[in-house]
């Protein structure tokens, strides 16, 4: 599970409490908000992590393709000068 700094965790707990109050007009305590946070980190953490890996793989593949094209262009230009 993702480890958060105490400051980040407290900020998220406050956000969760605010969400429950604004959306449901329900006040929840720190412990309940922390349990909600832990639940979502456990349930969504892996999905978000894997999606980030997929996105970065696509980004790197595109950059690698561009590098290969640039290399090929340099090679062909070098070849034509002979």
PDB file of N, CA and C in Angstrom:
ATOM      1  N   UNK A   1       0.845  -1.185   0.000  1.00  0.00           N
ATOM      2  CA  UNK A   1       0.000   0.000   0.000  1.00  0.00           C
ATOM      3  C   UNK A   1       0.885   1.241   0.000  1.00  0.00           C
ATOM      4  N   UNK A   2       0.418   2.258  -0.650  1.00  0.00           N
ATOM      5  CA  UNK A   2       1.134   3.517  -0.761  1.00  0.00           C
ATOM      6  C   UNK A   2       1.289   4.170   0.612  1.00  0.00           C
ATOM      7  N   UNK A   3       2.516   4.559   0.923  1.00  0.00           N
ATOM      8  CA  UNK A   3       2.782   5.251   2.179  1.00  0.00           C
ATOM      9  C   UNK A   3       2.758   6.747   1.936  1.00  0.00           C
ATOM     10  N   UNK A   4       1.949   7.458   2.704  1.00  0.00           N
ATOM     11  CA  UNK A   4       1.839   8.903   2.588  1.00  0.00           C
ATOM     12  C   UNK A   4       2.515   9.567   3.774  1.00  0.00           C
ATOM     13  N   UNK A   5       3.040  10.765   3.529  1.00  0.00           N
ATOM     14  CA  UNK A   5       3.583  11.530   4.656  1.00  0.00           C
ATOM     15  C   UNK A   5       2.423  11.903   5.572  1.00  0.00           C
ATOM     16  N   UNK A   6       2.736  12.178   6.807  1.00  0.00           N
ATOM     17  CA  UNK A   6       1.710  12.532   7.785  1.00  0.00           C
ATOM     18  C   UNK A   6       0.942  13.771   7.316  1.00  0.00           C
ATOM     19  N   UNK A   7       1.672  14.725   6.738  1.00  0.00           N
ATOM     20  CA  UNK A   7       1.044  15.960   6.255  1.00  0.00           C
ATOM     21  C   UNK A   7       0.051  15.677   5.129  1.00  0.00           C
ATOM     22  N   UNK A   8       0.450  14.857   4.158  1.00  0.00           N
ATOM     23  CA  UNK A   8      -0.438  14.519   3.040  1.00  0.00           C
ATOM     24  C   UNK A   8      -1.645  13.726   3.520  1.00  0.00           C
ATOM     25  N   UNK A   9      -1.390  12.796   4.425  1.00  0.00           N
ATOM     26  CA  UNK A   9      -2.487  11.976   4.938  1.00  0.00           C
ATOM     27  C   UNK A   9      -3.501  12.849   5.679  1.00  0.00           C
ATOM     28  N   UNK A  10      -3.014  13.766   6.496  1.00  0.00           N
ATOM     29  CA  UNK A  10      -3.921  14.664   7.219  1.00  0.00           C
ATOM     30  C   UNK A  10      -4.726  15.531   6.259  1.00  0.00           C
ATOM     31  N   UNK A  11      -4.070  16.029   5.202  1.00  0.00           N
ATOM     32  CA  UNK A  11      -4.766  16.851   4.219  1.00  0.00           C
ATOM     33  C   UNK A  11      -5.864  16.059   3.528  1.00  0.00           C
ATOM     34  N   UNK A  12      -5.564  14.805   3.152  1.00  0.00           N
ATOM     35  CA  UNK A  12      -6.565  13.959   2.497  1.00  0.00           C
ATOM     36  C   UNK A  12      -7.711  13.609   3.436  1.00  0.00           C
ATOM     37  N   UNK A  13      -7.402  13.370   4.687  1.00  0.00           N
ATOM     38  CA  UNK A  13      -8.446  13.088   5.675  1.00  0.00           C
ATOM     39  C   UNK A  13      -9.376  14.288   5.791  1.00  0.00           C
ATOM     40  N   UNK A  14      -8.812  15.482   5.826  1.00  0.00           N
ATOM     41  CA  UNK A  14      -9.636  16.698   5.877  1.00  0.00           C
ATOM     42  C   UNK A  14     -10.490  16.834   4.625  1.00  0.00           C
ATOM     43  N   UNK A  15      -9.915  16.494   3.466  1.00  0.00           N
ATOM     44  CA  UNK A  15     -10.664  16.548   2.208  1.00  0.00           C
ATOM     45  C   UNK A  15     -11.834  15.561   2.235  1.00  0.00           C
ATOM     46  N   UNK A  16     -11.602  14.383   2.741  1.00  0.00           N
ATOM     47  CA  UNK A  16     -12.659  13.369   2.831  1.00  0.00           C
ATOM     48  C   UNK A  16     -13.763  13.844   3.763  1.00  0.00           C
ATOM     49  N   UNK A  17     -13.378  14.389   4.895  1.00  0.00           N
ATOM     50  CA  UNK A  17     -14.376  14.910   5.817  1.00  0.00           C
ATOM     51  C   UNK A  17     -15.194  16.023   5.153  1.00  0.00           C
ATOM     52  N   UNK A  18     -14.514  16.907   4.423  1.00  0.00           N
ATOM     53  CA  UNK A  18     -15.215  17.975   3.714  1.00  0.00           C
ATOM     54  C   UNK A  18     -16.144  17.438   2.642  1.00  0.00           C
ATOM     55  N   UNK A  19     -15.704  16.411   1.942  1.00  0.00           N
ATOM     56  CA  UNK A  19     -16.531  15.796   0.915  1.00  0.00           C
ATOM     57  C   UNK A  19     -17.815  15.235   1.525  1.00  0.00           C
ATOM     58  N   UNK A  20     -17.686  14.476   2.593  1.00  0.00           N
ATOM     59  CA  UNK A  20     -18.871  13.895   3.227  1.00  0.00           C
ATOM     60  C   UNK A  20     -19.828  14.979   3.710  1.00  0.00           C
ATOM     61  N   UNK A  21     -19.275  16.058   4.226  1.00  0.00           N
ATOM     62  CA  UNK A  21     -20.130  17.135   4.729  1.00  0.00           C
ATOM     63  C   UNK A  21     -20.814  17.860   3.573  1.00  0.00           C
ATOM     64  N   UNK A  22     -20.055  18.194   2.526  1.00  0.00           N
ATOM     65  CA  UNK A  22     -20.610  18.953   1.397  1.00  0.00           C
ATOM     66  C   UNK A  22     -21.568  18.129   0.540  1.00  0.00           C
ATOM     67  N   UNK A  23     -21.261  16.862   0.328  1.00  0.00           N
ATOM     68  CA  UNK A  23     -22.067  16.026  -0.559  1.00  0.00           C
ATOM     69  C   UNK A  23     -23.204  15.288   0.139  1.00  0.00           C
ATOM     70  N   UNK A  24     -22.995  14.959   1.415  1.00  0.00           N
ATOM     71  CA  UNK A  24     -23.964  14.131   2.108  1.00  0.00           C
ATOM     72  C   UNK A  24     -24.520  14.778   3.375  1.00  0.00           C
ATOM     73  N   UNK A  25     -23.992  15.993   3.659  1.00  0.00           N
ATOM     74  CA  UNK A  25     -24.364  16.688   4.896  1.00  0.00           C
ATOM     75  C   UNK A  25     -24.185  15.769   6.109  1.00  0.00           C
ATOM     76  N   UNK A  26     -23.064  15.037   6.060  1.00  0.00           N
ATOM     77  CA  UNK A  26     -22.750  14.059   7.105  1.00  0.00           C
ATOM     78  C   UNK A  26     -21.360  14.368   7.654  1.00  0.00           C
ATOM     79  N   UNK A  27     -21.274  14.495   8.954  1.00  0.00           N
ATOM     80  CA  UNK A  27     -19.969  14.711   9.570  1.00  0.00           C
ATOM     81  C   UNK A  27     -19.386  13.360   9.968  1.00  0.00           C
ATOM     82  N   UNK A  28     -18.150  13.115   9.519  1.00  0.00           N
ATOM     83  CA  UNK A  28     -17.473  11.890   9.926  1.00  0.00           C
ATOM     84  C   UNK A  28     -16.196  12.287  10.654  1.00  0.00           C
ATOM     85  N   UNK A  29     -15.781  11.429  11.539  1.00  0.00           N
ATOM     86  CA  UNK A  29     -14.593  11.700  12.332  1.00  0.00           C
ATOM     87  C   UNK A  29     -13.313  11.360  11.596  1.00  0.00           C
ATOM     88  N   UNK A  30     -12.228  11.641  12.260  1.00  0.00           N
ATOM     89  CA  UNK A  30     -10.909  11.401  11.683  1.00  0.00           C
ATOM     90  C   UNK A  30     -10.694   9.917  11.410  1.00  0.00           C
ATOM     91  N   UNK A  31     -11.083   9.072  12.340  1.00  0.00           N
ATOM     92  CA  UNK A  31     -10.869   7.629  12.169  1.00  0.00           C
ATOM     93  C   UNK A  31     -11.668   7.101  10.984  1.00  0.00           C
ATOM     94  N   UNK A  32     -12.924   7.520  10.867  1.00  0.00           N
ATOM     95  CA  UNK A  32     -13.752   7.073   9.741  1.00  0.00           C
ATOM     96  C   UNK A  32     -13.168   7.569   8.426  1.00  0.00           C
ATOM     97  N   UNK A  33     -12.725   8.817   8.379  1.00  0.00           N
ATOM     98  CA  UNK A  33     -12.136   9.368   7.157  1.00  0.00           C
ATOM     99  C   UNK A  33     -10.844   8.635   6.810  1.00  0.00           C
ATOM    100  N   UNK A  34     -10.059   8.278   7.822  1.00  0.00           N
ATOM    101  CA  UNK A  34      -8.825   7.539   7.592  1.00  0.00           C
ATOM    102  C   UNK A  34      -9.124   6.149   7.035  1.00  0.00           C
ATOM    103  N   UNK A  35     -10.191   5.524   7.497  1.00  0.00           N
ATOM    104  CA  UNK A  35     -10.573   4.207   6.980  1.00  0.00           C
ATOM    105  C   UNK A  35     -11.026   4.296   5.530  1.00  0.00           C
ATOM    106  N   UNK A  36     -11.740   5.371   5.183  1.00  0.00           N
ATOM    107  CA  UNK A  36     -12.148   5.585   3.794  1.00  0.00           C
ATOM    108  C   UNK A  36     -10.903   5.759   2.923  1.00  0.00           C
ATOM    109  N   UNK A  37      -9.959   6.566   3.392  1.00  0.00           N
ATOM    110  CA  UNK A  37      -8.716   6.780   2.659  1.00  0.00           C
ATOM    111  C   UNK A  37      -7.969   5.462   2.454  1.00  0.00           C
ATOM    112  N   UNK A  38      -7.819   4.690   3.523  1.00  0.00           N
ATOM    113  CA  UNK A  38      -7.123   3.401   3.430  1.00  0.00           C
ATOM    114  C   UNK A  38      -7.821   2.457   2.452  1.00  0.00           C
ATOM    115  N   UNK A  39      -9.152   2.453   2.492  1.00  0.00           N
ATOM    116  CA  UNK A  39      -9.923   1.610   1.580  1.00  0.00           C
ATOM    117  C   UNK A  39      -9.610   1.960   0.130  1.00  0.00           C
ATOM    118  N   UNK A  40      -9.674   3.247  -0.202  1.00  0.00           N
ATOM    119  CA  UNK A  40      -9.434   3.651  -1.588  1.00  0.00           C
ATOM    120  C   UNK A  40      -7.987   3.449  -2.005  1.00  0.00           C
ATOM    121  N   UNK A  41      -7.058   3.662  -1.100  1.00  0.00           N
ATOM    122  CA  UNK A  41      -5.656   3.400  -1.436  1.00  0.00           C
ATOM    123  C   UNK A  41      -5.434   1.928  -1.741  1.00  0.00           C
ATOM    124  N   UNK A  42      -6.044   1.072  -0.956  1.00  0.00           N
ATOM    125  CA  UNK A  42      -5.897  -0.369  -1.182  1.00  0.00           C
ATOM    126  C   UNK A  42      -6.607  -0.811  -2.455  1.00  0.00           C
ATOM    127  N   UNK A  43      -7.823  -0.334  -2.670  1.00  0.00           N
ATOM    128  CA  UNK A  43      -8.630  -0.797  -3.797  1.00  0.00           C
ATOM    129  C   UNK A  43      -8.238  -0.149  -5.118  1.00  0.00           C
ATOM    130  N   UNK A  44      -7.874   1.124  -5.102  1.00  0.00           N
ATOM    131  CA  UNK A  44      -7.579   1.827  -6.347  1.00  0.00           C
ATOM    132  C   UNK A  44      -6.088   2.003  -6.606  1.00  0.00           C
ATOM    133  N   UNK A  45      -5.289   1.859  -5.584  1.00  0.00           N
ATOM    134  CA  UNK A  45      -3.856   2.100  -5.721  1.00  0.00           C
ATOM    135  C   UNK A  45      -3.220   1.284  -6.824  1.00  0.00           C
ATOM    136  N   UNK A  46      -3.501   0.002  -6.877  1.00  0.00           N
ATOM    137  CA  UNK A  46      -2.919  -0.872  -7.894  1.00  0.00           C
ATOM    138  C   UNK A  46      -3.412  -0.501  -9.289  1.00  0.00           C
ATOM    139  N   UNK A  47      -4.699  -0.179  -9.403  1.00  0.00           N
ATOM    140  CA  UNK A  47      -5.244   0.203 -10.706  1.00  0.00           C
ATOM    141  C   UNK A  47      -4.602   1.486 -11.221  1.00  0.00           C
ATOM    142  N   UNK A  48      -4.452   2.469 -10.358  1.00  0.00           N
ATOM    143  CA  UNK A  48      -3.854   3.743 -10.750  1.00  0.00           C
ATOM    144  C   UNK A  48      -2.384   3.540 -11.107  1.00  0.00           C
ATOM    145  N   UNK A  49      -1.690   2.749 -10.309  1.00  0.00           N
ATOM    146  CA  UNK A  49      -0.276   2.465 -10.556  1.00  0.00           C
ATOM    147  C   UNK A  49      -0.089   1.780 -11.912  1.00  0.00           C
ATOM    148  N   UNK A  50      -0.896   0.766 -12.187  1.00  0.00           N
ATOM    149  CA  UNK A  50      -0.789   0.043 -13.450  1.00  0.00           C
ATOM    150  C   UNK A  50      -1.147   0.924 -14.639  1.00  0.00           C
ATOM    151  N   UNK A  51      -2.136   1.791 -14.478  1.00  0.00           N
ATOM    152  CA  UNK A  51      -2.501   2.725 -15.547  1.00  0.00           C
ATOM    153  C   UNK A  51      -1.349   3.685 -15.818  1.00  0.00           C
ATOM    154  N   UNK A  52      -0.690   4.148 -14.782  1.00  0.00           N
ATOM    155  CA  UNK A  52       0.465   5.036 -14.957  1.00  0.00           C
ATOM    156  C   UNK A  52       1.587   4.316 -15.704  1.00  0.00           C
ATOM    157  N   UNK A  53       1.809   3.054 -15.381  1.00  0.00           N
ATOM    158  CA  UNK A  53       2.818   2.272 -16.107  1.00  0.00           C
ATOM    159  C   UNK A  53       2.453   2.126 -17.575  1.00  0.00           C
ATOM    160  N   UNK A  54       1.184   1.841 -17.856  1.00  0.00           N
ATOM    161  CA  UNK A  54       0.745   1.717 -19.251  1.00  0.00           C
ATOM    162  C   UNK A  54       0.942   3.027 -20.004  1.00  0.00           C
ATOM    163  N   UNK A  55       0.567   4.137 -19.371  1.00  0.00           N
ATOM    164  CA  UNK A  55       0.725   5.448 -20.012  1.00  0.00           C
ATOM    165  C   UNK A  55       2.189   5.769 -20.267  1.00  0.00           C
ATOM    166  N   UNK A  56       3.043   5.468 -19.302  1.00  0.00           N
ATOM    167  CA  UNK A  56       4.464   5.767 -19.488  1.00  0.00           C
ATOM    168  C   UNK A  56       5.076   4.853 -20.554  1.00  0.00           C
ATOM    169  N   UNK A  57       4.625   3.621 -20.640  1.00  0.00           N
ATOM    170  CA  UNK A  57       5.111   2.711 -21.681  1.00  0.00           C
ATOM    171  C   UNK A  57       4.783   3.255 -23.066  1.00  0.00           C
ATOM    172  N   UNK A  58       3.554   3.737 -23.243  1.00  0.00           N
ATOM    173  CA  UNK A  58       3.170   4.317 -24.529  1.00  0.00           C
ATOM    174  C   UNK A  58       3.986   5.569 -24.844  1.00  0.00           C
ATOM    175  N   UNK A  59       4.206   6.416 -23.846  1.00  0.00           N
ATOM    176  CA  UNK A  59       4.974   7.639 -24.037  1.00  0.00           C
ATOM    177  C   UNK A  59       6.403   7.305 -24.465  1.00  0.00           C
ATOM    178  N   UNK A  60       7.036   6.354 -23.753  1.00  0.00           N
ATOM    179  CA  UNK A  60       8.403   5.971 -24.091  1.00  0.00           C
ATOM    180  C   UNK A  60       8.481   5.307 -25.464  1.00  0.00           C
ATOM    181  N   UNK A  61       7.488   4.499 -25.808  1.00  0.00           N
ATOM    182  CA  UNK A  61       7.481   3.856 -27.125  1.00  0.00           C
ATOM    183  C   UNK A  61       7.411   4.906 -28.226  1.00  0.00           C
ATOM    184  N   UNK A  62       6.594   5.931 -28.025  1.00  0.00           N
ATOM    185  CA  UNK A  62       6.493   7.017 -29.006  1.00  0.00           C
ATOM    186  C   UNK A  62       7.815   7.763 -29.125  1.00  0.00           C
ATOM    187  N   UNK A  63       8.444   8.048 -27.991  1.00  0.00           N
ATOM    188  CA  UNK A  63       9.727   8.758 -28.020  1.00  0.00           C
ATOM    189  C   UNK A  63      10.796   7.899 -28.686  1.00  0.00           C
ATOM    190  N   UNK A  64      10.801   6.611 -28.408  1.00  0.00           N
ATOM    191  CA  UNK A  64      11.774   5.714 -29.023  1.00  0.00           C
ATOM    192  C   UNK A  64      11.568   5.642 -30.531  1.00  0.00           C
ATOM    193  N   UNK A  65      10.304   5.607 -30.945  1.00  0.00           N
ATOM    194  CA  UNK A  65      10.009   5.593 -32.375  1.00  0.00           C
ATOM    195  C   UNK A  65      10.531   6.868 -33.036  1.00  0.00           C
ATOM    196  N   UNK A  66      10.338   8.000 -32.385  1.00  0.00           N
ATOM    197  CA  UNK A  66      10.840   9.265 -32.929  1.00  0.00           C
ATOM    198  C   UNK A  66      12.361   9.261 -33.022  1.00  0.00           C
ATOM    199  N   UNK A  67      13.030   8.702 -32.038  1.00  0.00           N
ATOM    200  CA  UNK A  67      14.490   8.630 -32.063  1.00  0.00           C
ATOM    201  C   UNK A  67      14.951   7.739 -33.210  1.00  0.00           C
ATOM    202  N   UNK A  68      14.273   6.616 -33.402  1.00  0.00           N
ATOM    203  CA  UNK A  68      14.640   5.713 -34.495  1.00  0.00           C
ATOM    204  C   UNK A  68      14.436   6.385 -35.846  1.00  0.00           C
ATOM    205  N   UNK A  69      13.353   7.135 -35.995  1.00  0.00           N
ATOM    206  CA  UNK A  69      13.109   7.854 -37.251  1.00  0.00           C
ATOM    207  C   UNK A  69      14.204   8.889 -37.474  1.00  0.00           C
ATOM    208  N   UNK A  70      14.523   9.647 -36.436  1.00  0.00           N
ATOM    209  CA  UNK A  70      15.591  10.643 -36.554  1.00  0.00           C
ATOM    210  C   UNK A  70      16.916   9.982 -36.912  1.00  0.00           C
ATOM    211  N   UNK A  71      17.217   8.883 -36.285  1.00  0.00           N
ATOM    212  CA  UNK A  71      18.455   8.160 -36.588  1.00  0.00           C
ATOM    213  C   UNK A  71      18.464   7.693 -38.038  1.00  0.00           C
ATOM    214  N   UNK A  72      17.350   7.119 -38.474  1.00  0.00           N
ATOM    215  CA  UNK A  72      17.277   6.656 -39.861  1.00  0.00           C
ATOM    216  C   UNK A  72      17.454   7.806 -40.840  1.00  0.00           C
ATOM    217  N   UNK A  73      16.866   8.945 -40.552  1.00  0.00           N
ATOM    218  CA  UNK A  73      17.032  10.105 -41.427  1.00  0.00           C
ATOM    219  C   UNK A  73      18.487  10.546 -41.496  1.00  0.00           C
ATOM    220  N   UNK A  74      19.154  10.546 -40.377  1.00  0.00           N
ATOM    221  CA  UNK A  74      20.569  10.910 -40.367  1.00  0.00           C
ATOM    222  C   UNK A  74      21.386   9.897 -41.168  1.00  0.00           C
ATOM    223  N   UNK A  75      21.086   8.639 -40.999  1.00  0.00           N
ATOM    224  CA  UNK A  75      21.809   7.585 -41.704  1.00  0.00           C
ATOM    225  C   UNK A  75      21.616   7.697 -43.211  1.00  0.00           C
ATOM    226  N   UNK A  76      20.386   7.923 -43.636  1.00  0.00           N
ATOM    227  CA  UNK A  76      20.096   8.037 -45.067  1.00  0.00           C
ATOM    228  C   UNK A  76      20.755   9.270 -45.640  1.00  0.00           C
ATOM    229  N   UNK A  77      20.721  10.376 -44.923  1.00  0.00           N
ATOM    230  CA  UNK A  77      21.374  11.598 -45.393  1.00  0.00           C
ATOM    231  C   UNK A  77      22.870  11.391 -45.493  1.00  0.00           C
ATOM    232  N   UNK A  78      23.430  10.696 -44.558  1.00  0.00           N
ATOM    233  CA  UNK A  78      24.865  10.414 -44.566  1.00  0.00           C
ATOM    234  C   UNK A  78      25.206   9.526 -45.762  1.00  0.00           C
ATOM    235  N   UNK A  79      24.350   8.579 -46.036  1.00  0.00           N
ATOM    236  CA  UNK A  79      24.548   7.640 -47.132  1.00  0.00           C
ATOM    237  C   UNK A  79      24.517   8.355 -48.487  1.00  0.00           C
ATOM    238  N   UNK A  80      23.628   9.303 -48.652  1.00  0.00           N
ATOM    239  CA  UNK A  80      23.459   9.953 -49.944  1.00  0.00           C
ATOM    240  C   UNK A  80      24.619  10.880 -50.284  1.00  0.00           C
ATOM    241  N   UNK A  81      25.430  11.264 -49.305  1.00  0.00           N
ATOM    242  CA  UNK A  81      26.553  12.152 -49.552  1.00  0.00           C
ATOM    243  C   UNK A  81      27.768  11.394 -50.057  1.00  0.00           C
ATOM    244  N   UNK A  82      27.759  10.105 -50.053  1.00  0.00           N
ATOM    245  CA  UNK A  82      28.913   9.306 -50.489  1.00  0.00           C
ATOM    246  C   UNK A  82      29.057   9.279 -51.963  1.00  0.00           C
TER     247      UNK A  82
END
